[in-house]
PDB file of N, CA and C in Angstrom:
ATOM      1  N   LEU A   1       4.830  -8.847  -4.000  1.00  0.00           N
ATOM      2  CA  LEU A   1       3.846  -8.807  -2.923  1.00  0.00           C
ATOM      3  C   LEU A   1       2.638  -9.620  -3.359  1.00  0.00           C
ATOM      4  N   GLY A   2       2.326 -10.646  -2.610  1.00  0.00           N
ATOM      5  CA  GLY A   2       1.201 -11.487  -2.961  1.00  0.00           C
ATOM      6  C   GLY A   2      -0.130 -10.845  -2.625  1.00  0.00           C
ATOM      7  N   ALA A   3      -1.182 -11.404  -3.163  1.00  0.00           N
ATOM      8  CA  ALA A   3      -2.522 -10.853  -2.951  1.00  0.00           C
ATOM      9  C   ALA A   3      -2.899 -10.878  -1.478  1.00  0.00           C
ATOM     10  N   HIS A   4      -2.539 -11.948  -0.784  1.00  0.00           N
ATOM     11  CA  HIS A   4      -2.867 -12.055   0.638  1.00  0.00           C
ATOM     12  C   HIS A   4      -2.153 -10.970   1.443  1.00  0.00           C
ATOM     13  N   ALA A   5      -0.875 -10.762   1.184  1.00  0.00           N
ATOM     14  CA  ALA A   5      -0.115  -9.733   1.900  1.00  0.00           C
ATOM     15  C   ALA A   5      -0.646  -8.343   1.569  1.00  0.00           C
ATOM     16  N   ALA A   6      -0.995  -8.114   0.312  1.00  0.00           N
ATOM     17  CA  ALA A   6      -1.541  -6.810  -0.078  1.00  0.00           C
ATOM     18  C   ALA A   6      -2.879  -6.569   0.614  1.00  0.00           C
ATOM     19  N   PHE A   7      -3.720  -7.593   0.675  1.00  0.00           N
ATOM     20  CA  PHE A   7      -5.013  -7.468   1.335  1.00  0.00           C
ATOM     21  C   PHE A   7      -4.833  -7.186   2.825  1.00  0.00           C
ATOM     22  N   ALA A   8      -3.852  -7.820   3.440  1.00  0.00           N
ATOM     23  CA  ALA A   8      -3.602  -7.617   4.870  1.00  0.00           C
ATOM     24  C   ALA A   8      -3.158  -6.180   5.159  1.00  0.00           C
ATOM     25  N   ARG A   9      -2.510  -5.539   4.193  1.00  0.00           N
ATOM     26  CA  ARG A   9      -2.045  -4.159   4.387  1.00  0.00           C
ATOM     27  C   ARG A   9      -3.089  -3.114   4.012  1.00  0.00           C
ATOM     28  N   MET A  10      -4.193  -3.538   3.458  1.00  0.00           N
ATOM     29  CA  MET A  10      -5.190  -2.593   2.987  1.00  0.00           C
ATOM     30  C   MET A  10      -5.685  -1.616   4.062  1.00  0.00           C
ATOM     31  N   PRO A  11      -5.955  -2.047   5.303  1.00  0.00           N
ATOM     32  CA  PRO A  11      -6.382  -1.067   6.307  1.00  0.00           C
ATOM     33  C   PRO A  11      -5.344   0.044   6.531  1.00  0.00           C
ATOM     34  N   ARG A  12      -4.079  -0.304   6.511  1.00  0.00           N
ATOM     35  CA  ARG A  12      -3.033   0.712   6.671  1.00  0.00           C
ATOM     36  C   ARG A  12      -3.043   1.670   5.489  1.00  0.00           C
ATOM     37  N   TRP A  13      -3.181   1.137   4.294  1.00  0.00           N
ATOM     38  CA  TRP A  13      -3.185   1.980   3.096  1.00  0.00           C
ATOM     39  C   TRP A  13      -4.371   2.938   3.107  1.00  0.00           C
ATOM     40  N   THR A  14      -5.531   2.472   3.542  1.00  0.00           N
ATOM     41  CA  THR A  14      -6.693   3.362   3.552  1.00  0.00           C
ATOM     42  C   THR A  14      -6.509   4.482   4.568  1.00  0.00           C
ATOM     43  N   ARG A  15      -5.835   4.226   5.670  1.00  0.00           N
ATOM     44  CA  ARG A  15      -5.546   5.295   6.645  1.00  0.00           C
ATOM     45  C   ARG A  15      -4.598   6.324   6.033  1.00  0.00           C
ATOM     46  N   LEU A  16      -3.655   5.860   5.218  1.00  0.00           N
ATOM     47  CA  LEU A  16      -2.705   6.781   4.601  1.00  0.00           C
ATOM     48  C   LEU A  16      -3.387   7.722   3.616  1.00  0.00           C
ATOM     49  N   LEU A  17      -4.490   7.315   3.045  1.00  0.00           N
ATOM     50  CA  LEU A  17      -5.179   8.143   2.063  1.00  0.00           C
ATOM     51  C   LEU A  17      -5.920   9.314   2.699  1.00  0.00           C
ATOM     52  N   ARG A  18      -6.029   9.327   4.012  1.00  0.00           N
ATOM     53  CA  ARG A  18      -6.777  10.369   4.705  1.00  0.00           C
ATOM     54  C   ARG A  18      -5.989  11.657   4.885  1.00  0.00           C
ATOM     55  N   ALA A  19      -4.775  11.700   4.447  1.00  0.00           N
ATOM     56  CA  ALA A  19      -3.957  12.898   4.600  1.00  0.00           C
ATOM     57  C   ALA A  19      -3.272  13.214   3.272  1.00  0.00           C
ATOM     58  N   SER A  20      -2.760  14.425   3.189  1.00  0.00           N
ATOM     59  CA  SER A  20      -2.097  14.864   1.963  1.00  0.00           C
ATOM     60  C   SER A  20      -0.655  14.363   1.916  1.00  0.00           C
ATOM     61  N   PRO A  21      -0.052  14.355   0.736  1.00  0.00           N
ATOM     62  CA  PRO A  21       1.363  13.998   0.637  1.00  0.00           C
ATOM     63  C   PRO A  21       2.238  14.914   1.494  1.00  0.00           C
ATOM     64  N   ARG A  22       1.864  16.197   1.588  1.00  0.00           N
ATOM     65  CA  ARG A  22       2.615  17.140   2.412  1.00  0.00           C
ATOM     66  C   ARG A  22       2.597  16.697   3.881  1.00  0.00           C
ATOM     67  N   HIS A  23       1.430  16.308   4.352  1.00  0.00           N
ATOM     68  CA  HIS A  23       1.319  15.846   5.743  1.00  0.00           C
ATOM     69  C   HIS A  23       2.230  14.650   6.000  1.00  0.00           C
ATOM     70  N   TRP A  24       2.185  13.655   5.124  1.00  0.00           N
ATOM     71  CA  TRP A  24       2.970  12.445   5.346  1.00  0.00           C
ATOM     72  C   TRP A  24       4.466  12.693   5.218  1.00  0.00           C
ATOM     73  N   THR A  25       4.854  13.588   4.309  1.00  0.00           N
ATOM     74  CA  THR A  25       6.277  13.916   4.166  1.00  0.00           C
ATOM     75  C   THR A  25       6.774  14.634   5.413  1.00  0.00           C
ATOM     76  N   TYR A  26       6.002  15.611   5.891  1.00  0.00           N
ATOM     77  CA  TYR A  26       6.391  16.330   7.110  1.00  0.00           C
ATOM     78  C   TYR A  26       6.387  15.405   8.322  1.00  0.00           C
ATOM     79  N   ALA A  27       5.434  14.496   8.383  1.00  0.00           N
ATOM     80  CA  ALA A  27       5.382  13.559   9.503  1.00  0.00           C
ATOM     81  C   ALA A  27       6.616  12.650   9.518  1.00  0.00           C
ATOM     82  N   ALA A  28       7.026  12.173   8.359  1.00  0.00           N
ATOM     83  CA  ALA A  28       8.224  11.324   8.280  1.00  0.00           C
ATOM     84  C   ALA A  28       9.467  12.109   8.662  1.00  0.00           C
ATOM     85  N   ALA A  29       9.552  13.366   8.220  1.00  0.00           N
ATOM     86  CA  ALA A  29      10.705  14.206   8.567  1.00  0.00           C
ATOM     87  C   ALA A  29      10.743  14.461  10.069  1.00  0.00           C
ATOM     88  N   ALA A  30       9.599  14.763  10.671  1.00  0.00           N
ATOM     89  CA  ALA A  30       9.544  15.009  12.113  1.00  0.00           C
ATOM     90  C   ALA A  30       9.940  13.761  12.897  1.00  0.00           C
ATOM     91  N   GLU A  31       9.451  12.620  12.473  1.00  0.00           N
ATOM     92  CA  GLU A  31       9.821  11.374  13.157  1.00  0.00           C
ATOM     93  C   GLU A  31      11.322  11.139  13.076  1.00  0.00           C
ATOM     94  N   ALA A  32      11.907  11.404  11.919  1.00  0.00           N
ATOM     95  CA  ALA A  32      13.356  11.228  11.759  1.00  0.00           C
ATOM     96  C   ALA A  32      14.113  12.161  12.691  1.00  0.00           C
ATOM     97  N   VAL A  33      13.670  13.425  12.783  1.00  0.00           N
ATOM     98  CA  VAL A  33      14.347  14.393  13.657  1.00  0.00           C
ATOM     99  C   VAL A  33      14.260  13.958  15.111  1.00  0.00           C
ATOM    100  N   PHE A  34      13.089  13.535  15.548  1.00  0.00           N
ATOM    101  CA  PHE A  34      12.923  13.139  16.949  1.00  0.00           C
ATOM    102  C   PHE A  34      13.635  11.838  17.285  1.00  0.00           C
ATOM    103  N   ARG A  35      13.946  11.043  16.280  1.00  0.00           N
ATOM    104  CA  ARG A  35      14.626   9.765  16.509  1.00  0.00           C
ATOM    105  C   ARG A  35      16.128   9.827  16.263  1.00  0.00           C
ATOM    106  N   VAL A  36      16.683  11.011  16.001  1.00  0.00           N
ATOM    107  CA  VAL A  36      18.115  11.128  15.702  1.00  0.00           C
ATOM    108  C   VAL A  36      18.984  10.452  16.758  1.00  0.00           C
ATOM    109  N   PRO A  37      18.796  10.736  18.057  1.00  0.00           N
ATOM    110  CA  PRO A  37      19.668  10.070  19.049  1.00  0.00           C
ATOM    111  C   PRO A  37      19.582   8.541  18.976  1.00  0.00           C
ATOM    112  N   GLU A  38      18.377   8.033  18.840  1.00  0.00           N
ATOM    113  CA  GLU A  38      18.182   6.580  18.750  1.00  0.00           C
ATOM    114  C   GLU A  38      18.843   6.017  17.489  1.00  0.00           C
ATOM    115  N   LEU A  39      18.676   6.713  16.381  1.00  0.00           N
ATOM    116  CA  LEU A  39      19.260   6.248  15.119  1.00  0.00           C
ATOM    117  C   LEU A  39      20.780   6.276  15.160  1.00  0.00           C
ATOM    118  N   LEU A  40      21.329   7.297  15.790  1.00  0.00           N
ATOM    119  CA  LEU A  40      22.788   7.385  15.885  1.00  0.00           C
ATOM    120  C   LEU A  40      23.362   6.339  16.830  1.00  0.00           C
ATOM    121  N   ARG A  41      22.655   6.043  17.917  1.00  0.00           N
ATOM    122  CA  ARG A  41      23.111   5.015  18.864  1.00  0.00           C
ATOM    123  C   ARG A  41      23.099   3.638  18.221  1.00  0.00           C
ATOM    124  N   GLY A  42      22.179   3.434  17.282  1.00  0.00           N
ATOM    125  CA  GLY A  42      22.061   2.124  16.638  1.00  0.00           C
ATOM    126  C   GLY A  42      23.311   1.741  15.865  1.00  0.00           C
ATOM    127  N   GLY A  43      24.118   2.715  15.494  1.00  0.00           N
ATOM    128  CA  GLY A  43      25.380   2.429  14.826  1.00  0.00           C
ATOM    129  C   GLY A  43      25.262   2.135  13.355  1.00  0.00           C
ATOM    130  N   ASP A  44      24.053   2.042  12.837  1.00  0.00           N
ATOM    131  CA  ASP A  44      23.879   1.755  11.411  1.00  0.00           C
ATOM    132  C   ASP A  44      23.712   3.077  10.679  1.00  0.00           C
ATOM    133  N   GLY A  45      24.808   3.663  10.260  1.00  0.00           N
ATOM    134  CA  GLY A  45      24.775   4.962   9.612  1.00  0.00           C
ATOM    135  C   GLY A  45      23.994   4.978   8.320  1.00  0.00           C
ATOM    136  N   GLY A  46      23.942   3.849   7.655  1.00  0.00           N
ATOM    137  CA  GLY A  46      23.235   3.784   6.387  1.00  0.00           C
ATOM    138  C   GLY A  46      21.733   3.930   6.531  1.00  0.00           C
ATOM    139  N   SER A  47      21.164   3.425   7.624  1.00  0.00           N
ATOM    140  CA  SER A  47      19.703   3.452   7.751  1.00  0.00           C
ATOM    141  C   SER A  47      19.181   4.868   7.956  1.00  0.00           C
ATOM    142  N   TRP A  48      19.806   5.656   8.812  1.00  0.00           N
ATOM    143  CA  TRP A  48      19.296   7.015   9.009  1.00  0.00           C
ATOM    144  C   TRP A  48      19.598   7.887   7.802  1.00  0.00           C
ATOM    145  N   ARG A  49      20.711   7.633   7.144  1.00  0.00           N
ATOM    146  CA  ARG A  49      21.011   8.389   5.921  1.00  0.00           C
ATOM    147  C   ARG A  49      19.988   8.066   4.824  1.00  0.00           C
ATOM    148  N   ALA A  50      19.625   6.798   4.721  1.00  0.00           N
ATOM    149  CA  ALA A  50      18.618   6.394   3.732  1.00  0.00           C
ATOM    150  C   ALA A  50      17.266   7.025   4.058  1.00  0.00           C
ATOM    151  N   LEU A  51      16.928   7.081   5.333  1.00  0.00           N
ATOM    152  CA  LEU A  51      15.670   7.699   5.751  1.00  0.00           C
ATOM    153  C   LEU A  51      15.640   9.174   5.360  1.00  0.00           C
ATOM    154  N   VAL A  52      16.704   9.895   5.672  1.00  0.00           N
ATOM    155  CA  VAL A  52      16.785  11.315   5.329  1.00  0.00           C
ATOM    156  C   VAL A  52      16.756  11.507   3.817  1.00  0.00           C
ATOM    157  N   ARG A  53      17.461  10.674   3.101  1.00  0.00           N
ATOM    158  CA  ARG A  53      17.486  10.759   1.640  1.00  0.00           C
ATOM    159  C   ARG A  53      16.085  10.516   1.063  1.00  0.00           C
ATOM    160  N   ASP A  54      15.363   9.535   1.607  1.00  0.00           N
ATOM    161  CA  ASP A  54      14.012   9.242   1.131  1.00  0.00           C
ATOM    162  C   ASP A  54      13.048  10.393   1.414  1.00  0.00           C
ATOM    163  N   VAL A  55      13.143  10.974   2.604  1.00  0.00           N
ATOM    164  CA  VAL A  55      12.272  12.105   2.937  1.00  0.00           C
ATOM    165  C   VAL A  55      12.566  13.275   2.001  1.00  0.00           C
ATOM    166  N   ALA A  56      13.834  13.557   1.777  1.00  0.00           N
ATOM    167  CA  ALA A  56      14.206  14.659   0.879  1.00  0.00           C
ATOM    168  C   ALA A  56      13.715  14.388  -0.546  1.00  0.00           C
ATOM    169  N   TRP A  57      13.843  13.150  -1.006  1.00  0.00           N
ATOM    170  CA  TRP A  57      13.376  12.800  -2.344  1.00  0.00           C
ATOM    171  C   TRP A  57      11.873  13.018  -2.455  1.00  0.00           C
ATOM    172  N   ASN A  58      11.131  12.540  -1.458  1.00  0.00           N
ATOM    173  CA  ASN A  58       9.674  12.718  -1.463  1.00  0.00           C
ATOM    174  C   ASN A  58       9.300  14.196  -1.462  1.00  0.00           C
ATOM    175  N   TYR A  59       9.995  14.984  -0.665  1.00  0.00           N
ATOM    176  CA  TYR A  59       9.714  16.414  -0.617  1.00  0.00           C
ATOM    177  C   TYR A  59       9.933  17.038  -1.991  1.00  0.00           C
ATOM    178  N   GLU A  60      11.068  16.725  -2.587  1.00  0.00           N
ATOM    179  CA  GLU A  60      11.401  17.314  -3.884  1.00  0.00           C
ATOM    180  C   GLU A  60      10.425  16.894  -4.984  1.00  0.00           C
ATOM    181  N   HIS A  61      10.062  15.621  -5.008  1.00  0.00           N
ATOM    182  CA  HIS A  61       9.242  15.109  -6.110  1.00  0.00           C
ATOM    183  C   HIS A  61       7.737  15.283  -5.916  1.00  0.00           C
ATOM    184  N   PHE A  62       7.272  15.343  -4.671  1.00  0.00           N
ATOM    185  CA  PHE A  62       5.841  15.431  -4.445  1.00  0.00           C
ATOM    186  C   PHE A  62       5.364  16.798  -3.971  1.00  0.00           C
ATOM    187  N   LEU A  63       6.257  17.631  -3.444  1.00  0.00           N
ATOM    188  CA  LEU A  63       5.800  18.873  -2.844  1.00  0.00           C
ATOM    189  C   LEU A  63       6.329  20.148  -3.480  1.00  0.00           C
ATOM    190  N   VAL A  64       7.566  20.150  -3.917  1.00  0.00           N
ATOM    191  CA  VAL A  64       8.139  21.365  -4.471  1.00  0.00           C
ATOM    192  C   VAL A  64       7.328  21.781  -5.703  1.00  0.00           C
ATOM    193  N   GLY A  65       6.891  23.013  -5.688  1.00  0.00           N
ATOM    194  CA  GLY A  65       6.135  23.535  -6.814  1.00  0.00           C
ATOM    195  C   GLY A  65       4.666  23.139  -6.824  1.00  0.00           C
ATOM    196  N   THR A  66       4.186  22.555  -5.721  1.00  0.00           N
ATOM    197  CA  THR A  66       2.767  22.170  -5.653  1.00  0.00           C
ATOM    198  C   THR A  66       2.126  22.807  -4.433  1.00  0.00           C
ATOM    199  N   ARG A  67       0.835  22.663  -4.352  1.00  0.00           N
ATOM    200  CA  ARG A  67       0.109  23.133  -3.179  1.00  0.00           C
ATOM    201  C   ARG A  67      -0.532  21.952  -2.466  1.00  0.00           C
ATOM    202  N   SER A  68      -0.049  20.734  -2.736  1.00  0.00           N
ATOM    203  CA  SER A  68      -0.642  19.535  -2.133  1.00  0.00           C
ATOM    204  C   SER A  68      -0.296  19.414  -0.677  1.00  0.00           C
TER     205      SER A  68
END
């Protein structure tokens, strides 16, 4: 990632810092649940499986055993 691309993403990154890891993990999980029909219609089974796997990984590594 070049400096220009990183700088261009900075506003998005600063918005992400306004919430806890728990909030962002739950938000990603909720989005995945609400998009299940769309994801299944897309026919790309790997993408929704990867999304679910990533959310589960984040939950396990950032939230289990914490109060964040």
